[in-house]
């Protein structure tokens, strides 16, 4: 685990745990070693904070490329902070740039680290669960690692869209971790990846109980997940 990430868990992570007392289920499904992809629903920026706080291993999150390209002292600080946390750079534009970001995650996974992906590609605008994009399946098959479904609940109240930080006394978040989905022997053609993605979304829905919408979520400013 990177040193800065360890410091973050001891400080911010403990603050989140003590301040919001997240309810957690399924920690036994987190592998003690080896790479894996956490695939979750996305209700709030706080999803990442609480998942990172409760999962005992290092999780590599995505960060838009703008944060790596800043100038001056603040740019230097942000860039080194993200590198120290083990963040993965992703372009906001999507398409080939987003695919390049996924390619950069493959060696991370093969080296035994874990990566968080939100298959919906953006935060849900209305609390429902939208159709997943196949990037998560493509990445898992290419890296040869399992997909672990994860569901977060209550985070949209703690940190609504537009709110810059989590707010106290807005409820208790829940993080549910499901049984890993083995991708051994899975094909990487479009039909197979679509079927695997739909399977992942079905498992996420079982964890969250959200209403499922069989279409892609309206585009937001969050970095997109490639189809």
C-alpha atoms as a PDB file:
ATOM      1  CA  UNK A   1       0.000   0.000   0.000  1.00  0.00           C
ATOM      2  CA  UNK A   2       1.475   3.414  -0.973  1.00  0.00           C
ATOM      3  CA  UNK A   3       2.628   5.481   1.996  1.00  0.00           C
ATOM      4  CA  UNK A   4       0.302   8.398   1.250  1.00  0.00           C
ATOM      5  CA  UNK A   5      -2.633   6.016   0.891  1.00  0.00           C
ATOM      6  CA  UNK A   6      -1.787   4.498   4.279  1.00  0.00           C
ATOM      7  CA  UNK A   7      -1.660   7.953   5.824  1.00  0.00           C
ATOM      8  CA  UNK A   8      -4.989   8.767   4.174  1.00  0.00           C
ATOM      9  CA  UNK A   9      -6.635   5.659   5.634  1.00  0.00           C
ATOM     10  CA  UNK A  10      -5.308   6.471   9.098  1.00  0.00           C
ATOM     11  CA  UNK A  11      -6.546  10.058   8.921  1.00  0.00           C
ATOM     12  CA  UNK A  12      -9.384  10.648   6.457  1.00  0.00           C
ATOM     13  CA  UNK A  13     -10.435   6.991   6.482  1.00  0.00           C
ATOM     14  CA  UNK A  14     -10.757   6.864  10.254  1.00  0.00           C
ATOM     15  CA  UNK A  15     -12.554  10.222  10.270  1.00  0.00           C
ATOM     16  CA  UNK A  16     -15.121   8.886   7.789  1.00  0.00           C
ATOM     17  CA  UNK A  17     -15.550   5.688   9.780  1.00  0.00           C
ATOM     18  CA  UNK A  18     -15.993   7.492  13.098  1.00  0.00           C
ATOM     19  CA  UNK A  19     -18.084  10.374  11.751  1.00  0.00           C
ATOM     20  CA  UNK A  20     -20.526   8.437   9.569  1.00  0.00           C
ATOM     21  CA  UNK A  21     -20.265   4.871  10.951  1.00  0.00           C
ATOM     22  CA  UNK A  22     -20.786   3.156   7.560  1.00  0.00           C
ATOM     23  CA  UNK A  23     -22.585  -0.181   7.619  1.00  0.00           C
ATOM     24  CA  UNK A  24     -20.452  -2.730   5.773  1.00  0.00           C
ATOM     25  CA  UNK A  25     -21.312  -6.181   4.452  1.00  0.00           C
ATOM     26  CA  UNK A  26     -19.216  -8.717   2.559  1.00  0.00           C
ATOM     27  CA  UNK A  27     -15.669  -7.830   3.560  1.00  0.00           C
ATOM     28  CA  UNK A  28     -14.947 -11.557   3.489  1.00  0.00           C
ATOM     29  CA  UNK A  29     -15.171 -11.349  -0.313  1.00  0.00           C
ATOM     30  CA  UNK A  30     -12.208  -8.976  -0.547  1.00  0.00           C
ATOM     31  CA  UNK A  31      -9.221 -11.104  -1.649  1.00  0.00           C
ATOM     32  CA  UNK A  32      -6.209 -10.858   0.628  1.00  0.00           C
ATOM     33  CA  UNK A  33      -3.844 -10.888  -2.358  1.00  0.00           C
ATOM     34  CA  UNK A  34      -4.032 -10.545  -6.114  1.00  0.00           C
ATOM     35  CA  UNK A  35      -5.650  -8.112  -8.480  1.00  0.00           C
ATOM     36  CA  UNK A  36      -9.393  -7.508  -8.708  1.00  0.00           C
ATOM     37  CA  UNK A  37     -11.849  -4.956 -10.042  1.00  0.00           C
ATOM     38  CA  UNK A  38     -14.462  -3.402  -7.767  1.00  0.00           C
ATOM     39  CA  UNK A  39     -17.472  -2.581  -9.941  1.00  0.00           C
ATOM     40  CA  UNK A  40     -20.029  -0.385  -8.227  1.00  0.00           C
ATOM     41  CA  UNK A  41     -23.070   1.790  -8.642  1.00  0.00           C
ATOM     42  CA  UNK A  42     -22.371   5.505  -8.552  1.00  0.00           C
ATOM     43  CA  UNK A  43     -24.596   7.847  -6.552  1.00  0.00           C
ATOM     44  CA  UNK A  44     -22.072  10.364  -5.248  1.00  0.00           C
ATOM     45  CA  UNK A  45     -18.436  11.415  -5.159  1.00  0.00           C
ATOM     46  CA  UNK A  46     -18.554  10.086  -1.598  1.00  0.00           C
ATOM     47  CA  UNK A  47     -18.845   6.525  -2.944  1.00  0.00           C
ATOM     48  CA  UNK A  48     -15.091   6.464  -3.468  1.00  0.00           C
ATOM     49  CA  UNK A  49     -14.385   7.882  -0.023  1.00  0.00           C
ATOM     50  CA  UNK A  50     -16.413   5.297   1.857  1.00  0.00           C
ATOM     51  CA  UNK A  51     -15.326   2.326  -0.267  1.00  0.00           C
ATOM     52  CA  UNK A  52     -11.710   3.356   0.257  1.00  0.00           C
ATOM     53  CA  UNK A  53     -12.301   3.785   3.993  1.00  0.00           C
ATOM     54  CA  UNK A  54     -13.785   0.319   4.590  1.00  0.00           C
ATOM     55  CA  UNK A  55     -11.762  -1.878   2.212  1.00  0.00           C
ATOM     56  CA  UNK A  56      -8.533  -2.892   3.981  1.00  0.00           C
ATOM     57  CA  UNK A  57      -6.389  -3.052   0.827  1.00  0.00           C
ATOM     58  CA  UNK A  58      -5.187  -0.349  -1.553  1.00  0.00           C
ATOM     59  CA  UNK A  59      -7.673   0.676  -4.220  1.00  0.00           C
ATOM     60  CA  UNK A  60      -6.566   2.532  -7.336  1.00  0.00           C
ATOM     61  CA  UNK A  61      -9.115   5.177  -8.305  1.00  0.00           C
ATOM     62  CA  UNK A  62      -9.336   7.160 -11.524  1.00  0.00           C
ATOM     63  CA  UNK A  63      -8.451  10.860 -11.667  1.00  0.00           C
ATOM     64  CA  UNK A  64      -8.996  13.156 -14.638  1.00  0.00           C
ATOM     65  CA  UNK A  65      -5.845  14.147 -16.506  1.00  0.00           C
ATOM     66  CA  UNK A  66      -6.329  17.842 -15.651  1.00  0.00           C
ATOM     67  CA  UNK A  67      -5.242  17.077 -12.104  1.00  0.00           C
ATOM     68  CA  UNK A  68      -1.918  15.712 -13.360  1.00  0.00           C
ATOM     69  CA  UNK A  69      -1.197  18.663 -15.662  1.00  0.00           C
ATOM     70  CA  UNK A  70      -1.521  21.616 -13.296  1.00  0.00           C
ATOM     71  CA  UNK A  71       1.211  24.223 -13.131  1.00  0.00           C
ATOM     72  CA  UNK A  72       2.835  26.086 -10.279  1.00  0.00           C
ATOM     73  CA  UNK A  73       3.066  24.946  -6.681  1.00  0.00           C
ATOM     74  CA  UNK A  74      -0.546  23.749  -6.483  1.00  0.00           C
ATOM     75  CA  UNK A  75      -0.161  21.756  -9.691  1.00  0.00           C
ATOM     76  CA  UNK A  76       3.025  20.156  -8.399  1.00  0.00           C
ATOM     77  CA  UNK A  77       1.334  19.287  -5.099  1.00  0.00           C
ATOM     78  CA  UNK A  78      -1.766  17.778  -6.722  1.00  0.00           C
ATOM     79  CA  UNK A  79       0.252  15.764  -9.228  1.00  0.00           C
ATOM     80  CA  UNK A  80       2.535  14.290  -6.571  1.00  0.00           C
ATOM     81  CA  UNK A  81      -0.405  13.638  -4.249  1.00  0.00           C
ATOM     82  CA  UNK A  82      -2.257  11.626  -6.912  1.00  0.00           C
ATOM     83  CA  UNK A  83       0.877   9.727  -7.894  1.00  0.00           C
ATOM     84  CA  UNK A  84       1.537   9.002  -4.234  1.00  0.00           C
ATOM     85  CA  UNK A  85      -2.010   7.676  -3.814  1.00  0.00           C
ATOM     86  CA  UNK A  86      -1.599   5.393  -6.835  1.00  0.00           C
ATOM     87  CA  UNK A  87      -4.323   7.101  -8.890  1.00  0.00           C
ATOM     88  CA  UNK A  88      -4.820   6.189 -12.558  1.00  0.00           C
ATOM     89  CA  UNK A  89      -4.910   9.013 -15.077  1.00  0.00           C
ATOM     90  CA  UNK A  90      -7.950   9.191 -17.364  1.00  0.00           C
ATOM     91  CA  UNK A  91      -8.920  11.621 -20.101  1.00  0.00           C
ATOM     92  CA  UNK A  92     -12.347  13.261 -19.843  1.00  0.00           C
ATOM     93  CA  UNK A  93     -12.897  13.082 -23.607  1.00  0.00           C
ATOM     94  CA  UNK A  94     -13.626   9.344 -23.650  1.00  0.00           C
ATOM     95  CA  UNK A  95     -13.202   7.218 -26.778  1.00  0.00           C
ATOM     96  CA  UNK A  96      -9.597   6.278 -27.485  1.00  0.00           C
ATOM     97  CA  UNK A  97      -8.338   8.355 -24.562  1.00  0.00           C
ATOM     98  CA  UNK A  98     -10.551   6.471 -22.105  1.00  0.00           C
ATOM     99  CA  UNK A  99      -9.459   3.171 -23.624  1.00  0.00           C
ATOM    100  CA  UNK A 100      -5.826   4.229 -23.114  1.00  0.00           C
ATOM    101  CA  UNK A 101      -6.594   4.796 -19.439  1.00  0.00           C
ATOM    102  CA  UNK A 102      -8.022   1.287 -19.208  1.00  0.00           C
ATOM    103  CA  UNK A 103      -4.891  -0.066 -20.878  1.00  0.00           C
ATOM    104  CA  UNK A 104      -2.801   1.635 -18.196  1.00  0.00           C
ATOM    105  CA  UNK A 105      -4.836  -0.170 -15.522  1.00  0.00           C
ATOM    106  CA  UNK A 106      -4.010  -3.647 -16.883  1.00  0.00           C
ATOM    107  CA  UNK A 107      -0.422  -3.772 -15.511  1.00  0.00           C
ATOM    108  CA  UNK A 108      -1.706  -2.398 -12.200  1.00  0.00           C
ATOM    109  CA  UNK A 109      -4.153  -5.297 -11.931  1.00  0.00           C
ATOM    110  CA  UNK A 110      -1.655  -7.889 -13.115  1.00  0.00           C
ATOM    111  CA  UNK A 111       0.775  -6.639 -10.465  1.00  0.00           C
ATOM    112  CA  UNK A 112      -1.804  -7.583  -7.817  1.00  0.00           C
ATOM    113  CA  UNK A 113      -3.461  -4.250  -7.101  1.00  0.00           C
ATOM    114  CA  UNK A 114      -7.190  -3.524  -7.118  1.00  0.00           C
ATOM    115  CA  UNK A 115      -9.030  -0.945  -9.221  1.00  0.00           C
ATOM    116  CA  UNK A 116     -12.449   0.654  -8.764  1.00  0.00           C
ATOM    117  CA  UNK A 117     -14.683   1.067 -11.844  1.00  0.00           C
ATOM    118  CA  UNK A 118     -18.179   2.513 -12.162  1.00  0.00           C
ATOM    119  CA  UNK A 119     -19.744   0.721 -15.163  1.00  0.00           C
ATOM    120  CA  UNK A 120     -22.528   3.302 -15.505  1.00  0.00           C
ATOM    121  CA  UNK A 121     -19.801   5.753 -16.552  1.00  0.00           C
ATOM    122  CA  UNK A 122     -21.233   8.641 -14.512  1.00  0.00           C
ATOM    123  CA  UNK A 123     -23.213   9.345 -11.368  1.00  0.00           C
ATOM    124  CA  UNK A 124     -26.858   8.387 -11.453  1.00  0.00           C
ATOM    125  CA  UNK A 125     -28.973  11.513 -11.979  1.00  0.00           C
ATOM    126  CA  UNK A 126     -32.005  10.119 -10.158  1.00  0.00           C
ATOM    127  CA  UNK A 127     -30.886   7.290  -7.886  1.00  0.00           C
ATOM    128  CA  UNK A 128     -31.697   4.513 -10.356  1.00  0.00           C
ATOM    129  CA  UNK A 129     -29.176   1.988 -11.692  1.00  0.00           C
ATOM    130  CA  UNK A 130     -28.426   2.424 -15.385  1.00  0.00           C
ATOM    131  CA  UNK A 131     -27.070   0.063 -18.028  1.00  0.00           C
ATOM    132  CA  UNK A 132     -23.386  -0.691 -17.625  1.00  0.00           C
ATOM    133  CA  UNK A 133     -20.754  -0.029 -20.244  1.00  0.00           C
ATOM    134  CA  UNK A 134     -18.608  -2.963 -21.263  1.00  0.00           C
ATOM    135  CA  UNK A 135     -15.253  -1.425 -20.331  1.00  0.00           C
ATOM    136  CA  UNK A 136     -15.323  -3.148 -16.947  1.00  0.00           C
ATOM    137  CA  UNK A 137     -15.719  -6.573 -18.590  1.00  0.00           C
ATOM    138  CA  UNK A 138     -13.043  -5.820 -21.193  1.00  0.00           C
ATOM    139  CA  UNK A 139     -10.601  -4.766 -18.499  1.00  0.00           C
ATOM    140  CA  UNK A 140     -11.258  -7.832 -16.317  1.00  0.00           C
ATOM    141  CA  UNK A 141     -10.855 -10.283 -19.194  1.00  0.00           C
ATOM    142  CA  UNK A 142      -7.699  -8.552 -20.461  1.00  0.00           C
ATOM    143  CA  UNK A 143      -6.088  -8.541 -17.007  1.00  0.00           C
ATOM    144  CA  UNK A 144      -7.429 -11.954 -15.981  1.00  0.00           C
ATOM    145  CA  UNK A 145      -8.812 -10.751 -12.653  1.00  0.00           C
ATOM    146  CA  UNK A 146     -12.215 -11.235 -10.966  1.00  0.00           C
ATOM    147  CA  UNK A 147     -14.901  -8.573 -10.821  1.00  0.00           C
ATOM    148  CA  UNK A 148     -16.223  -7.819  -7.336  1.00  0.00           C
ATOM    149  CA  UNK A 149     -19.664  -6.154  -7.358  1.00  0.00           C
ATOM    150  CA  UNK A 150     -20.111  -3.439  -4.758  1.00  0.00           C
ATOM    151  CA  UNK A 151     -23.161  -1.384  -3.874  1.00  0.00           C
ATOM    152  CA  UNK A 152     -23.241   1.884  -1.958  1.00  0.00           C
ATOM    153  CA  UNK A 153     -26.399   3.359  -0.481  1.00  0.00           C
ATOM    154  CA  UNK A 154     -27.098   6.663   1.236  1.00  0.00           C
ATOM    155  CA  UNK A 155     -24.090   8.529  -0.154  1.00  0.00           C
ATOM    156  CA  UNK A 156     -26.270  10.746  -2.369  1.00  0.00           C
ATOM    157  CA  UNK A 157     -27.740  12.278   0.798  1.00  0.00           C
ATOM    158  CA  UNK A 158     -24.380  12.691   2.504  1.00  0.00           C
ATOM    159  CA  UNK A 159     -22.778  14.374  -0.506  1.00  0.00           C
ATOM    160  CA  UNK A 160     -25.319  15.339  -3.182  1.00  0.00           C
ATOM    161  CA  UNK A 161     -24.186  16.322  -6.678  1.00  0.00           C
ATOM    162  CA  UNK A 162     -22.650  19.801  -6.405  1.00  0.00           C
ATOM    163  CA  UNK A 163     -21.805  19.483  -2.710  1.00  0.00           C
ATOM    164  CA  UNK A 164     -17.984  19.767  -2.321  1.00  0.00           C
ATOM    165  CA  UNK A 165     -17.635  17.592   0.796  1.00  0.00           C
ATOM    166  CA  UNK A 166     -19.584  15.008   2.842  1.00  0.00           C
ATOM    167  CA  UNK A 167     -22.028  16.439   5.371  1.00  0.00           C
ATOM    168  CA  UNK A 168     -22.625  15.118   8.869  1.00  0.00           C
ATOM    169  CA  UNK A 169     -26.047  14.141  10.180  1.00  0.00           C
ATOM    170  CA  UNK A 170     -27.287  13.169   6.713  1.00  0.00           C
ATOM    171  CA  UNK A 171     -27.692   9.486   7.424  1.00  0.00           C
ATOM    172  CA  UNK A 172     -25.494   6.430   7.621  1.00  0.00           C
ATOM    173  CA  UNK A 173     -23.995   5.063   4.384  1.00  0.00           C
ATOM    174  CA  UNK A 174     -24.002   1.384   3.497  1.00  0.00           C
ATOM    175  CA  UNK A 175     -21.336  -0.468   1.527  1.00  0.00           C
ATOM    176  CA  UNK A 176     -22.226  -3.981   0.353  1.00  0.00           C
ATOM    177  CA  UNK A 177     -19.583  -6.171  -1.273  1.00  0.00           C
ATOM    178  CA  UNK A 178     -20.687  -9.164  -3.304  1.00  0.00           C
ATOM    179  CA  UNK A 179     -19.150 -12.476  -4.274  1.00  0.00           C
ATOM    180  CA  UNK A 180     -16.381 -12.161  -6.900  1.00  0.00           C
ATOM    181  CA  UNK A 181     -17.298 -13.016 -10.490  1.00  0.00           C
ATOM    182  CA  UNK A 182     -14.671 -15.256 -12.064  1.00  0.00           C
ATOM    183  CA  UNK A 183     -13.809 -14.309 -15.659  1.00  0.00           C
ATOM    184  CA  UNK A 184     -11.601 -17.311 -16.386  1.00  0.00           C
ATOM    185  CA  UNK A 185     -12.355 -18.622 -19.862  1.00  0.00           C
ATOM    186  CA  UNK A 186     -14.561 -15.676 -20.788  1.00  0.00           C
ATOM    187  CA  UNK A 187     -14.316 -14.548 -24.407  1.00  0.00           C
ATOM    188  CA  UNK A 188     -13.510 -10.952 -25.304  1.00  0.00           C
ATOM    189  CA  UNK A 189     -15.884 -10.542 -28.242  1.00  0.00           C
ATOM    190  CA  UNK A 190     -18.544  -7.851 -28.049  1.00  0.00           C
ATOM    191  CA  UNK A 191     -21.430 -10.236 -27.320  1.00  0.00           C
ATOM    192  CA  UNK A 192     -19.591 -11.984 -24.496  1.00  0.00           C
ATOM    193  CA  UNK A 193     -18.454  -8.711 -22.921  1.00  0.00           C
ATOM    194  CA  UNK A 194     -22.014  -7.396 -23.063  1.00  0.00           C
ATOM    195  CA  UNK A 195     -23.309 -10.515 -21.346  1.00  0.00           C
ATOM    196  CA  UNK A 196     -20.647 -10.296 -18.618  1.00  0.00           C
ATOM    197  CA  UNK A 197     -21.404  -6.625 -18.035  1.00  0.00           C
ATOM    198  CA  UNK A 198     -25.114  -7.331 -17.706  1.00  0.00           C
ATOM    199  CA  UNK A 199     -24.275 -10.050 -15.190  1.00  0.00           C
ATOM    200  CA  UNK A 200     -22.205  -7.579 -13.168  1.00  0.00           C
ATOM    201  CA  UNK A 201     -25.010  -5.004 -13.194  1.00  0.00           C
ATOM    202  CA  UNK A 202     -27.506  -7.639 -12.067  1.00  0.00           C
ATOM    203  CA  UNK A 203     -25.290  -8.471  -9.089  1.00  0.00           C
ATOM    204  CA  UNK A 204     -24.935  -4.789  -8.213  1.00  0.00           C
ATOM    205  CA  UNK A 205     -28.713  -4.419  -8.341  1.00  0.00           C
ATOM    206  CA  UNK A 206     -29.120  -7.345  -5.944  1.00  0.00           C
ATOM    207  CA  UNK A 207     -26.882  -5.502  -3.483  1.00  0.00           C
ATOM    208  CA  UNK A 208     -28.542  -2.088  -3.783  1.00  0.00           C
ATOM    209  CA  UNK A 209     -32.156  -2.858  -4.649  1.00  0.00           C
ATOM    210  CA  UNK A 210     -32.169   0.066  -7.090  1.00  0.00           C
ATOM    211  CA  UNK A 211     -34.620   0.252  -9.956  1.00  0.00           C
ATOM    212  CA  UNK A 212     -32.793  -0.802 -13.120  1.00  0.00           C
ATOM    213  CA  UNK A 213     -32.949   1.303 -16.293  1.00  0.00           C
ATOM    214  CA  UNK A 214     -31.960  -0.628 -19.463  1.00  0.00           C
ATOM    215  CA  UNK A 215     -30.312   2.357 -21.127  1.00  0.00           C
ATOM    216  CA  UNK A 216     -27.180   4.401 -20.545  1.00  0.00           C
ATOM    217  CA  UNK A 217     -27.280   7.204 -18.008  1.00  0.00           C
ATOM    218  CA  UNK A 218     -27.313  10.771 -19.363  1.00  0.00           C
ATOM    219  CA  UNK A 219     -23.772  12.038 -19.796  1.00  0.00           C
ATOM    220  CA  UNK A 220     -22.294  13.990 -16.903  1.00  0.00           C
ATOM    221  CA  UNK A 221     -18.911  15.575 -16.289  1.00  0.00           C
ATOM    222  CA  UNK A 222     -17.469  12.424 -14.689  1.00  0.00           C
ATOM    223  CA  UNK A 223     -14.830  10.595 -16.816  1.00  0.00           C
ATOM    224  CA  UNK A 224     -16.687   8.140 -19.050  1.00  0.00           C
ATOM    225  CA  UNK A 225     -16.180   4.413 -19.074  1.00  0.00           C
ATOM    226  CA  UNK A 226     -15.601   3.167 -22.644  1.00  0.00           C
ATOM    227  CA  UNK A 227     -18.066   0.869 -24.375  1.00  0.00           C
END
